N, C-alpha and C. Protein backbone atom coordinates (compact mmCIF):
# COMPACT_ATOMS: atom_id res chain seq x y z
N MET A 1 55.27 117.77 69.19
CA MET A 1 55.13 119.08 70.19
C MET A 1 54.01 118.82 70.98
N PRO A 2 53.89 119.03 71.92
CA PRO A 2 52.86 119.14 72.81
C PRO A 2 51.77 120.15 72.44
N TRP A 3 50.05 119.78 72.57
CA TRP A 3 49.66 120.89 72.39
C TRP A 3 49.88 122.33 73.15
N GLY A 4 49.50 123.01 72.55
CA GLY A 4 49.04 124.57 73.13
C GLY A 4 50.94 124.83 73.46
N LEU A 5 51.83 123.89 73.30
CA LEU A 5 53.38 124.39 73.51
C LEU A 5 53.97 124.95 72.03
N LYS A 6 54.52 126.58 72.26
CA LYS A 6 54.57 127.00 70.97
C LYS A 6 56.56 127.79 71.32
N ARG A 7 57.03 127.34 70.07
CA ARG A 7 58.77 127.95 70.65
C ARG A 7 58.56 128.99 69.01
N TYR A 8 59.37 129.98 69.91
CA TYR A 8 59.58 130.90 69.29
C TYR A 8 61.43 130.98 68.82
N TYR A 9 61.49 131.20 67.93
CA TYR A 9 62.89 130.89 67.06
C TYR A 9 62.95 131.77 66.53
N GLY A 10 64.31 132.58 65.77
CA GLY A 10 64.63 133.76 64.72
C GLY A 10 64.21 134.76 65.57
N THR A 11 63.94 135.24 66.77
CA THR A 11 64.07 136.69 67.91
C THR A 11 64.96 137.36 67.73
N GLY A 12 66.18 136.35 67.94
CA GLY A 12 67.32 137.09 68.35
C GLY A 12 67.31 136.87 69.99
N SER A 13 66.32 136.14 70.62
CA SER A 13 65.91 136.56 72.24
C SER A 13 67.26 135.26 72.75
N LEU A 14 67.66 134.98 73.88
CA LEU A 14 68.35 134.54 74.70
C LEU A 14 67.15 133.42 75.00
N HIS A 15 67.48 132.30 75.10
CA HIS A 15 66.49 130.81 75.46
C HIS A 15 67.48 130.04 76.92
N PHE A 16 66.58 129.75 77.37
CA PHE A 16 66.68 129.01 79.13
C PHE A 16 65.73 127.84 78.62
N ILE A 17 66.86 126.84 78.31
CA ILE A 17 66.56 125.44 77.95
C ILE A 17 66.70 124.52 79.40
N SER A 18 65.96 123.52 79.41
CA SER A 18 66.61 122.59 80.37
C SER A 18 66.12 121.23 79.99
N TRP A 19 66.55 120.36 80.50
CA TRP A 19 65.68 118.79 80.16
C TRP A 19 66.39 117.87 81.08
N SER A 20 65.37 116.34 81.26
CA SER A 20 66.32 115.61 82.08
C SER A 20 66.82 114.67 81.60
N SER A 21 67.11 113.68 82.76
CA SER A 21 67.39 112.46 82.47
C SER A 21 66.25 111.04 82.51
N TYR A 22 66.12 110.10 81.67
CA TYR A 22 64.92 109.43 81.33
C TYR A 22 64.66 108.86 83.11
N GLN A 23 63.33 108.71 83.26
CA GLN A 23 62.89 108.69 84.50
C GLN A 23 63.81 109.46 85.42
N ARG A 24 64.43 110.85 85.21
CA ARG A 24 65.16 111.26 86.27
C ARG A 24 66.02 110.48 86.88
N GLN A 25 66.74 109.57 86.08
CA GLN A 25 67.75 108.68 87.14
C GLN A 25 69.39 109.63 87.02
N PRO A 26 69.65 109.45 88.20
CA PRO A 26 71.21 110.28 88.37
C PRO A 26 72.10 109.94 87.72
N LEU A 27 72.14 110.15 86.14
CA LEU A 27 73.04 109.42 85.27
C LEU A 27 73.92 110.27 85.33
N LEU A 28 74.18 111.54 85.19
CA LEU A 28 75.09 112.91 85.52
C LEU A 28 75.40 113.14 86.89
N ASN A 29 75.55 112.10 87.60
CA ASN A 29 75.85 111.97 89.33
C ASN A 29 77.47 112.05 89.57
N SER A 30 78.54 111.64 88.11
CA SER A 30 79.46 111.56 88.36
C SER A 30 80.48 112.86 87.80
N SER A 31 81.59 113.20 87.86
CA SER A 31 82.15 114.34 87.41
C SER A 31 82.72 114.16 86.18
N VAL A 32 82.96 112.46 85.47
CA VAL A 32 83.28 111.95 84.61
C VAL A 32 82.18 112.57 83.69
N ARG A 33 81.31 111.79 83.73
CA ARG A 33 79.64 112.42 83.15
C ARG A 33 79.53 113.47 82.62
N ARG A 34 79.62 114.66 84.03
CA ARG A 34 78.93 115.96 83.97
C ARG A 34 79.95 116.23 82.74
N ASP A 35 81.80 116.13 82.59
CA ASP A 35 82.66 116.61 81.84
C ASP A 35 82.42 115.93 80.67
N LEU A 36 82.18 114.74 80.46
CA LEU A 36 81.70 114.77 78.87
C LEU A 36 80.72 115.19 78.45
N PHE A 37 79.27 115.54 79.06
CA PHE A 37 78.14 116.72 78.57
C PHE A 37 79.00 117.71 78.33
N LEU A 38 79.91 118.26 79.04
CA LEU A 38 80.45 119.52 78.50
C LEU A 38 80.73 119.66 77.60
N THR A 39 81.79 118.49 77.53
CA THR A 39 82.79 118.52 76.17
C THR A 39 81.98 118.41 75.13
N VAL A 40 80.74 117.21 75.15
CA VAL A 40 80.09 117.61 73.95
C VAL A 40 79.08 119.19 73.45
N LEU A 41 78.88 119.65 74.50
CA LEU A 41 78.04 120.75 74.54
C LEU A 41 78.93 121.52 73.86
N GLU A 42 80.05 121.89 74.31
CA GLU A 42 81.55 122.69 73.40
C GLU A 42 81.31 122.29 72.16
N LYS A 43 81.34 121.14 71.62
CA LYS A 43 81.70 120.77 69.82
C LYS A 43 80.30 121.31 69.45
N MET A 44 79.09 121.19 70.08
CA MET A 44 77.74 121.03 69.10
C MET A 44 77.82 123.05 69.43
N ARG A 45 78.41 123.75 70.35
CA ARG A 45 78.30 125.51 70.31
C ARG A 45 79.12 125.14 69.41
N GLY A 46 80.52 124.82 69.42
CA GLY A 46 81.05 125.40 67.92
C GLY A 46 80.34 124.62 66.29
N ARG A 47 80.17 123.41 66.58
CA ARG A 47 79.06 123.62 65.25
C ARG A 47 78.19 124.05 64.78
N TYR A 48 77.46 124.79 65.24
CA TYR A 48 75.83 125.39 65.39
C TYR A 48 76.14 126.42 66.07
N CYS A 49 77.37 127.08 66.22
CA CYS A 49 77.65 128.32 66.51
C CYS A 49 76.94 129.34 67.28
N PHE A 50 76.73 129.21 68.07
CA PHE A 50 75.92 129.96 69.59
C PHE A 50 76.72 130.13 71.06
N ALA A 51 76.06 131.08 71.33
CA ALA A 51 77.15 131.45 72.52
C ALA A 51 76.07 130.96 73.95
N VAL A 52 77.11 130.56 74.95
CA VAL A 52 76.82 129.48 75.99
C VAL A 52 77.26 130.54 77.15
N ILE A 53 76.06 131.16 77.54
CA ILE A 53 75.91 132.39 78.57
C ILE A 53 76.22 131.66 79.88
N GLY A 54 75.29 130.85 80.28
CA GLY A 54 75.41 130.14 81.90
C GLY A 54 75.39 128.55 81.21
N TYR A 55 75.68 127.62 82.20
CA TYR A 55 74.99 126.49 82.67
C TYR A 55 74.79 125.67 83.75
N VAL A 56 74.13 124.89 83.90
CA VAL A 56 74.90 123.76 85.42
C VAL A 56 74.09 122.85 84.76
N VAL A 57 74.66 121.64 84.97
CA VAL A 57 74.78 120.12 84.73
C VAL A 57 74.51 119.52 86.32
N MET A 58 73.24 119.19 86.14
CA MET A 58 72.86 118.20 87.98
C MET A 58 73.01 116.80 87.89
N PRO A 59 72.84 116.32 88.53
CA PRO A 59 73.04 114.73 88.85
C PRO A 59 71.57 114.00 87.49
N GLU A 60 70.59 114.74 86.86
CA GLU A 60 69.84 114.28 86.47
C GLU A 60 68.77 115.17 85.68
N HIS A 61 69.18 116.35 85.61
CA HIS A 61 69.25 117.24 84.66
C HIS A 61 70.15 118.43 84.37
N VAL A 62 69.93 118.98 83.16
CA VAL A 62 70.99 120.41 83.42
C VAL A 62 69.83 121.73 82.49
N HIS A 63 70.18 122.65 82.67
CA HIS A 63 70.00 124.15 82.46
C HIS A 63 71.01 124.99 81.71
N LEU A 64 70.52 125.49 80.44
CA LEU A 64 71.46 126.20 79.77
C LEU A 64 70.70 127.39 79.36
N LEU A 65 71.58 128.60 79.57
CA LEU A 65 70.90 129.44 79.08
C LEU A 65 72.17 129.84 77.99
N VAL A 66 71.16 130.32 76.34
CA VAL A 66 72.21 130.08 75.45
C VAL A 66 71.62 130.98 74.13
N SER A 67 72.26 131.77 73.48
CA SER A 67 71.73 132.28 72.35
C SER A 67 71.42 131.76 71.26
N GLU A 68 70.41 132.32 70.49
CA GLU A 68 70.00 131.37 69.29
C GLU A 68 71.24 130.83 68.19
N PRO A 69 71.04 129.62 67.56
CA PRO A 69 72.49 129.54 67.20
C PRO A 69 72.68 130.48 65.74
N GLN A 70 73.17 130.25 64.79
CA GLN A 70 73.43 130.89 63.77
C GLN A 70 73.01 130.10 62.68
N ILE A 71 73.39 128.76 62.94
CA ILE A 71 73.10 127.15 62.32
C ILE A 71 72.23 126.12 62.82
N ALA A 72 70.56 126.50 62.20
CA ALA A 72 69.79 125.35 62.45
C ALA A 72 68.91 126.50 63.64
N ASN A 73 68.80 125.83 64.49
CA ASN A 73 67.80 126.32 65.47
C ASN A 73 67.72 125.81 67.25
N PRO A 74 67.31 126.32 67.92
CA PRO A 74 67.45 125.80 69.64
C PRO A 74 66.97 123.64 69.67
N SER A 75 65.95 123.62 69.11
CA SER A 75 65.71 122.48 68.61
C SER A 75 66.85 121.36 68.50
N THR A 76 67.35 122.01 67.72
CA THR A 76 68.08 121.25 66.79
C THR A 76 69.46 120.79 67.63
N VAL A 77 69.87 121.87 68.16
CA VAL A 77 70.67 121.98 68.86
C VAL A 77 70.72 120.96 69.80
N VAL A 78 69.31 120.95 70.94
CA VAL A 78 69.04 120.52 72.01
C VAL A 78 68.99 118.99 71.48
N GLN A 79 68.70 118.45 70.12
CA GLN A 79 68.59 117.48 69.69
C GLN A 79 70.24 116.49 69.52
N ALA A 80 70.91 117.52 69.07
CA ALA A 80 72.13 117.41 68.78
C ALA A 80 73.10 117.11 70.08
N VAL A 81 72.95 117.58 70.86
CA VAL A 81 73.41 117.38 72.16
C VAL A 81 73.20 116.31 72.85
N LYS A 82 71.85 116.22 73.04
CA LYS A 82 71.12 114.66 73.51
C LYS A 82 71.83 113.31 73.23
N LEU A 83 71.77 113.26 71.58
CA LEU A 83 72.48 112.23 70.63
C LEU A 83 73.59 111.98 71.02
N GLY A 84 74.59 113.26 71.09
CA GLY A 84 76.07 113.38 71.01
C GLY A 84 76.67 112.81 72.60
N PHE A 85 75.70 112.99 73.36
CA PHE A 85 76.19 112.34 74.51
C PHE A 85 75.26 111.36 74.81
N ALA A 86 74.31 111.28 74.85
CA ALA A 86 73.97 109.38 74.66
C ALA A 86 74.87 108.28 73.34
N ARG A 87 75.22 108.62 72.61
CA ARG A 87 75.94 108.24 71.94
C ARG A 87 77.31 107.19 72.58
N ARG A 88 77.28 108.49 72.99
CA ARG A 88 79.05 108.23 74.00
C ARG A 88 78.77 107.35 75.24
N ILE A 89 77.87 107.55 75.89
CA ILE A 89 78.05 106.94 77.10
C ILE A 89 77.06 105.24 77.06
N LEU A 90 75.76 105.33 76.17
CA LEU A 90 75.63 104.16 75.27
C LEU A 90 76.51 102.76 74.70
N ASP A 91 77.79 103.68 74.07
CA ASP A 91 78.90 102.67 74.20
C ASP A 91 79.43 101.97 74.96
N GLY A 92 79.41 102.49 76.18
CA GLY A 92 80.08 102.26 77.13
C GLY A 92 79.46 101.20 78.04
N ILE A 93 78.24 100.92 77.86
CA ILE A 93 77.29 100.37 78.72
C ILE A 93 76.72 98.88 77.84
N SER A 94 76.57 98.13 78.61
CA SER A 94 76.63 96.55 77.98
C SER A 94 74.88 96.63 77.23
N SER A 95 74.77 95.46 76.43
CA SER A 95 73.08 95.60 75.30
C SER A 95 72.11 95.23 76.49
N GLU A 96 72.14 95.05 77.97
CA GLU A 96 71.08 94.49 78.64
C GLU A 96 70.99 95.74 79.65
N SER A 97 71.36 96.83 79.51
CA SER A 97 71.48 97.95 80.07
C SER A 97 70.34 98.64 79.68
N PRO A 98 68.90 99.01 80.06
CA PRO A 98 68.32 99.94 79.24
C PRO A 98 68.91 101.39 78.15
N HIS A 99 68.21 101.46 77.20
CA HIS A 99 68.73 102.39 76.32
C HIS A 99 68.44 103.88 76.09
N HIS A 100 67.84 104.54 77.19
CA HIS A 100 67.45 105.68 77.62
C HIS A 100 68.32 106.23 78.64
N ILE A 101 68.63 107.50 77.92
CA ILE A 101 69.30 108.49 78.31
C ILE A 101 68.68 109.81 79.01
N TRP A 102 67.90 110.15 77.90
CA TRP A 102 67.33 111.29 78.08
C TRP A 102 65.67 111.16 77.78
N GLN A 103 64.77 111.88 79.02
CA GLN A 103 63.59 112.21 78.19
C GLN A 103 63.53 112.93 77.44
N SER A 104 62.31 112.88 76.44
CA SER A 104 62.12 112.97 75.02
C SER A 104 61.51 114.63 74.63
N ARG A 105 61.55 115.34 75.62
CA ARG A 105 61.20 116.58 75.21
C ARG A 105 61.89 117.74 76.00
N PHE A 106 62.26 118.63 75.76
CA PHE A 106 62.86 119.73 76.95
C PHE A 106 62.13 121.14 77.03
N TYR A 107 62.42 122.01 77.62
CA TYR A 107 61.49 123.23 78.24
C TYR A 107 62.69 124.07 77.63
N ASP A 108 61.62 125.15 77.08
CA ASP A 108 62.76 126.51 75.92
C ASP A 108 61.50 127.36 76.71
N PHE A 109 62.25 128.28 77.01
CA PHE A 109 61.66 129.89 77.91
C PHE A 109 62.28 130.98 76.72
N ASN A 110 61.91 131.68 76.37
CA ASN A 110 62.46 132.86 75.27
C ASN A 110 62.82 133.95 76.47
N LEU A 111 64.08 134.72 77.26
CA LEU A 111 64.16 135.55 77.78
C LEU A 111 64.14 136.97 77.08
N TRP A 112 63.07 137.40 76.94
CA TRP A 112 62.87 138.86 76.46
C TRP A 112 63.19 139.94 77.39
N SER A 113 63.55 139.99 78.28
CA SER A 113 64.55 141.24 78.90
C SER A 113 65.69 140.74 79.83
N GLN A 114 66.36 141.93 80.21
CA GLN A 114 67.53 141.77 81.05
C GLN A 114 67.04 141.00 82.47
N ARG A 115 65.88 141.78 82.80
CA ARG A 115 65.44 140.69 84.58
C ARG A 115 65.07 139.57 84.22
N LYS A 116 64.53 139.21 83.37
CA LYS A 116 64.79 137.12 83.23
C LYS A 116 65.52 136.60 82.95
N GLU A 117 66.68 137.50 82.21
CA GLU A 117 68.28 136.63 82.32
C GLU A 117 68.57 136.67 83.48
N ILE A 118 68.91 138.14 84.20
CA ILE A 118 69.17 137.69 85.40
C ILE A 118 68.93 136.81 86.58
N GLU A 119 67.29 136.80 86.27
CA GLU A 119 66.42 135.99 87.51
C GLU A 119 66.99 134.17 86.78
N LYS A 120 66.70 133.88 85.38
CA LYS A 120 67.17 132.26 84.99
C LYS A 120 68.53 132.45 85.26
N LEU A 121 69.31 133.03 85.46
CA LEU A 121 70.59 132.52 85.60
C LEU A 121 70.89 132.28 87.31
N LYS A 122 70.24 133.21 87.60
CA LYS A 122 70.25 133.14 88.86
C LYS A 122 69.63 131.66 89.70
N TYR A 123 68.61 131.19 89.40
CA TYR A 123 68.26 130.25 88.99
C TYR A 123 68.98 128.96 89.25
N MET A 124 69.63 128.87 87.40
CA MET A 124 70.16 127.96 87.58
C MET A 124 71.43 127.82 88.32
N LEU A 125 72.43 128.93 88.60
CA LEU A 125 73.47 128.75 89.40
C LEU A 125 73.25 128.55 90.67
N ARG A 126 72.31 129.07 91.25
CA ARG A 126 71.78 128.36 92.82
C ARG A 126 71.41 127.31 93.12
N ASN A 127 70.82 126.46 91.42
CA ASN A 127 70.09 124.94 91.69
C ASN A 127 71.07 124.05 92.62
N PRO A 128 72.35 123.79 92.26
CA PRO A 128 73.21 122.74 93.40
C PRO A 128 73.12 123.26 94.65
N VAL A 129 72.56 124.40 95.28
CA VAL A 129 72.65 124.88 96.63
C VAL A 129 71.10 124.77 97.12
N VAL A 130 70.24 124.81 96.26
CA VAL A 130 68.94 124.90 96.58
C VAL A 130 68.79 122.91 97.14
N ARG A 131 69.75 122.49 96.10
CA ARG A 131 69.43 120.83 95.84
C ARG A 131 70.33 120.15 97.59
N GLY A 132 71.01 120.92 97.95
CA GLY A 132 71.95 120.65 98.98
C GLY A 132 73.20 119.56 98.62
N LEU A 133 73.60 119.86 97.22
CA LEU A 133 74.82 119.27 96.76
C LEU A 133 76.10 119.88 97.33
N VAL A 134 75.74 121.46 97.20
CA VAL A 134 77.20 122.27 98.04
C VAL A 134 76.81 123.40 98.99
N GLU A 135 77.54 124.05 99.60
CA GLU A 135 77.31 125.03 100.20
C GLU A 135 76.89 126.39 99.52
N THR A 136 77.69 126.64 98.76
CA THR A 136 77.92 127.92 97.86
C THR A 136 78.00 127.51 96.37
N PRO A 137 77.47 128.32 95.64
CA PRO A 137 77.36 127.70 93.82
C PRO A 137 78.80 127.55 93.26
N GLU A 138 80.20 128.55 93.87
CA GLU A 138 81.19 127.92 92.91
C GLU A 138 81.84 126.67 93.59
N GLN A 139 81.31 126.16 94.36
CA GLN A 139 81.71 124.93 95.06
C GLN A 139 81.45 123.51 93.60
N TRP A 140 80.30 124.10 93.09
CA TRP A 140 79.39 123.14 92.06
C TRP A 140 80.47 123.34 90.89
N PRO A 141 81.34 122.15 90.41
CA PRO A 141 82.03 121.99 89.41
C PRO A 141 81.52 122.16 87.94
N SER A 142 80.60 121.95 88.02
CA SER A 142 79.99 121.62 86.62
C SER A 142 78.51 122.89 86.76
N SER A 143 79.35 124.18 86.48
CA SER A 143 78.70 125.01 86.25
C SER A 143 79.24 126.34 85.95
N SER A 144 78.83 127.51 85.29
CA SER A 144 79.29 128.49 84.67
C SER A 144 79.68 129.46 85.42
N TYR A 145 79.23 129.19 86.98
CA TYR A 145 78.99 130.27 88.17
C TYR A 145 80.65 130.64 88.23
N ARG A 146 81.75 130.20 87.75
CA ARG A 146 83.29 130.69 88.12
C ARG A 146 83.40 131.28 86.75
N GLY A 147 82.67 131.31 85.90
CA GLY A 147 83.13 132.16 84.47
C GLY A 147 82.28 133.76 85.19
N PHE A 148 81.58 133.63 85.85
CA PHE A 148 81.26 135.38 86.40
C PHE A 148 81.79 136.22 87.25
N VAL A 149 82.12 137.40 87.57
CA VAL A 149 82.88 137.80 88.44
C VAL A 149 81.91 139.31 89.54
N PRO A 150 81.93 139.31 90.43
CA PRO A 150 81.65 140.43 91.28
C PRO A 150 81.16 141.42 90.23
N MET A 151 79.87 142.31 90.31
CA MET A 151 79.69 143.80 89.70
C MET A 151 79.35 144.17 90.75
N GLY A 152 79.91 145.60 90.95
CA GLY A 152 79.21 146.61 91.38
C GLY A 152 78.29 146.38 92.59
N SER A 153 77.54 147.10 93.17
CA SER A 153 76.94 147.43 95.05
C SER A 153 75.96 146.31 94.49
N GLN A 154 75.27 145.69 92.87
CA GLN A 154 73.85 144.81 92.96
C GLN A 154 74.50 143.01 93.32
N GLY A 155 76.06 143.40 93.61
CA GLY A 155 76.07 141.61 94.09
C GLY A 155 76.10 140.68 93.04
N TRP A 156 75.24 141.15 92.19
CA TRP A 156 75.41 140.17 90.77
C TRP A 156 76.74 139.83 90.29
N PHE A 157 76.87 139.50 88.44
CA PHE A 157 77.66 138.99 88.15
C PHE A 157 77.61 139.34 86.65
N ALA A 158 78.84 140.08 86.15
CA ALA A 158 79.02 140.02 84.86
C ALA A 158 79.82 138.89 84.19
N SER A 159 79.50 138.04 83.16
CA SER A 159 79.99 137.33 82.31
C SER A 159 81.89 137.55 81.98
N THR A 160 82.30 136.36 82.14
CA THR A 160 83.59 136.87 81.51
C THR A 160 83.64 135.48 80.47
N ILE A 161 82.66 134.88 80.23
CA ILE A 161 82.75 133.86 79.11
C ILE A 161 82.77 133.85 78.21
N GLY A 162 82.09 135.09 77.59
CA GLY A 162 82.16 135.74 75.91
C GLY A 162 81.58 134.80 75.38
N VAL A 163 81.56 135.38 73.76
CA VAL A 163 80.58 134.58 72.63
C VAL A 163 81.36 133.43 72.87
N GLY A 164 82.40 132.98 72.75
CA GLY A 164 83.13 131.57 72.65
C GLY A 164 82.50 130.72 73.49
N GLY A 165 81.84 130.60 74.39
CA GLY A 165 81.02 129.82 75.30
C GLY A 165 81.50 129.73 76.78
N ARG A 166 81.79 128.16 77.19
CA ARG A 166 82.24 128.37 78.19
C ARG A 166 83.65 128.24 78.52
N LYS A 167 84.03 129.28 80.03
CA LYS A 167 85.38 129.18 80.42
C LYS A 167 85.74 128.23 80.53
N ASP A 168 87.30 127.68 80.59
CA ASP A 168 87.79 126.37 80.70
C ASP A 168 87.79 126.80 82.32
N ARG A 169 87.63 125.54 82.93
CA ARG A 169 87.96 125.65 84.42
C ARG A 169 89.13 125.41 84.59
N PRO A 170 89.68 126.07 86.04
CA PRO A 170 90.90 126.02 86.41
C PRO A 170 91.62 124.46 86.89
């Protein structure tokens, strides 16, 4: 772990987690690969017993808002998701291709308040719009945006995903 970086586990807080593909290559540029990533994430969610509050899978990086797992810790979960996805991708790539899928580290931010939870959720779900990939968040199929519903006069969202993880897409 880099000098000065401290990870806080066992606090019961949510974690905003991000990581990038190796050299920010657009390895998740296809819907097939983004769906494969979500399949691996769902498998690990079941294995390590954590809730996925929100997610967005971009062409070269991933953002997750997750609870602490009941089994292991967020570092173990990230390692398992990265490894599970990489193994599936590398099985279909020739041996002459580079064998790096992910950058080695990840960003983990503990969310200590509801204000921060909403801030990070908005940031991640608006990411495809800010990047110019779509005009509205609901147009990006590889996010949890459609698992949220309008809530009151604030115009923000309440999750319909629940503790079970991501809601199946229509």
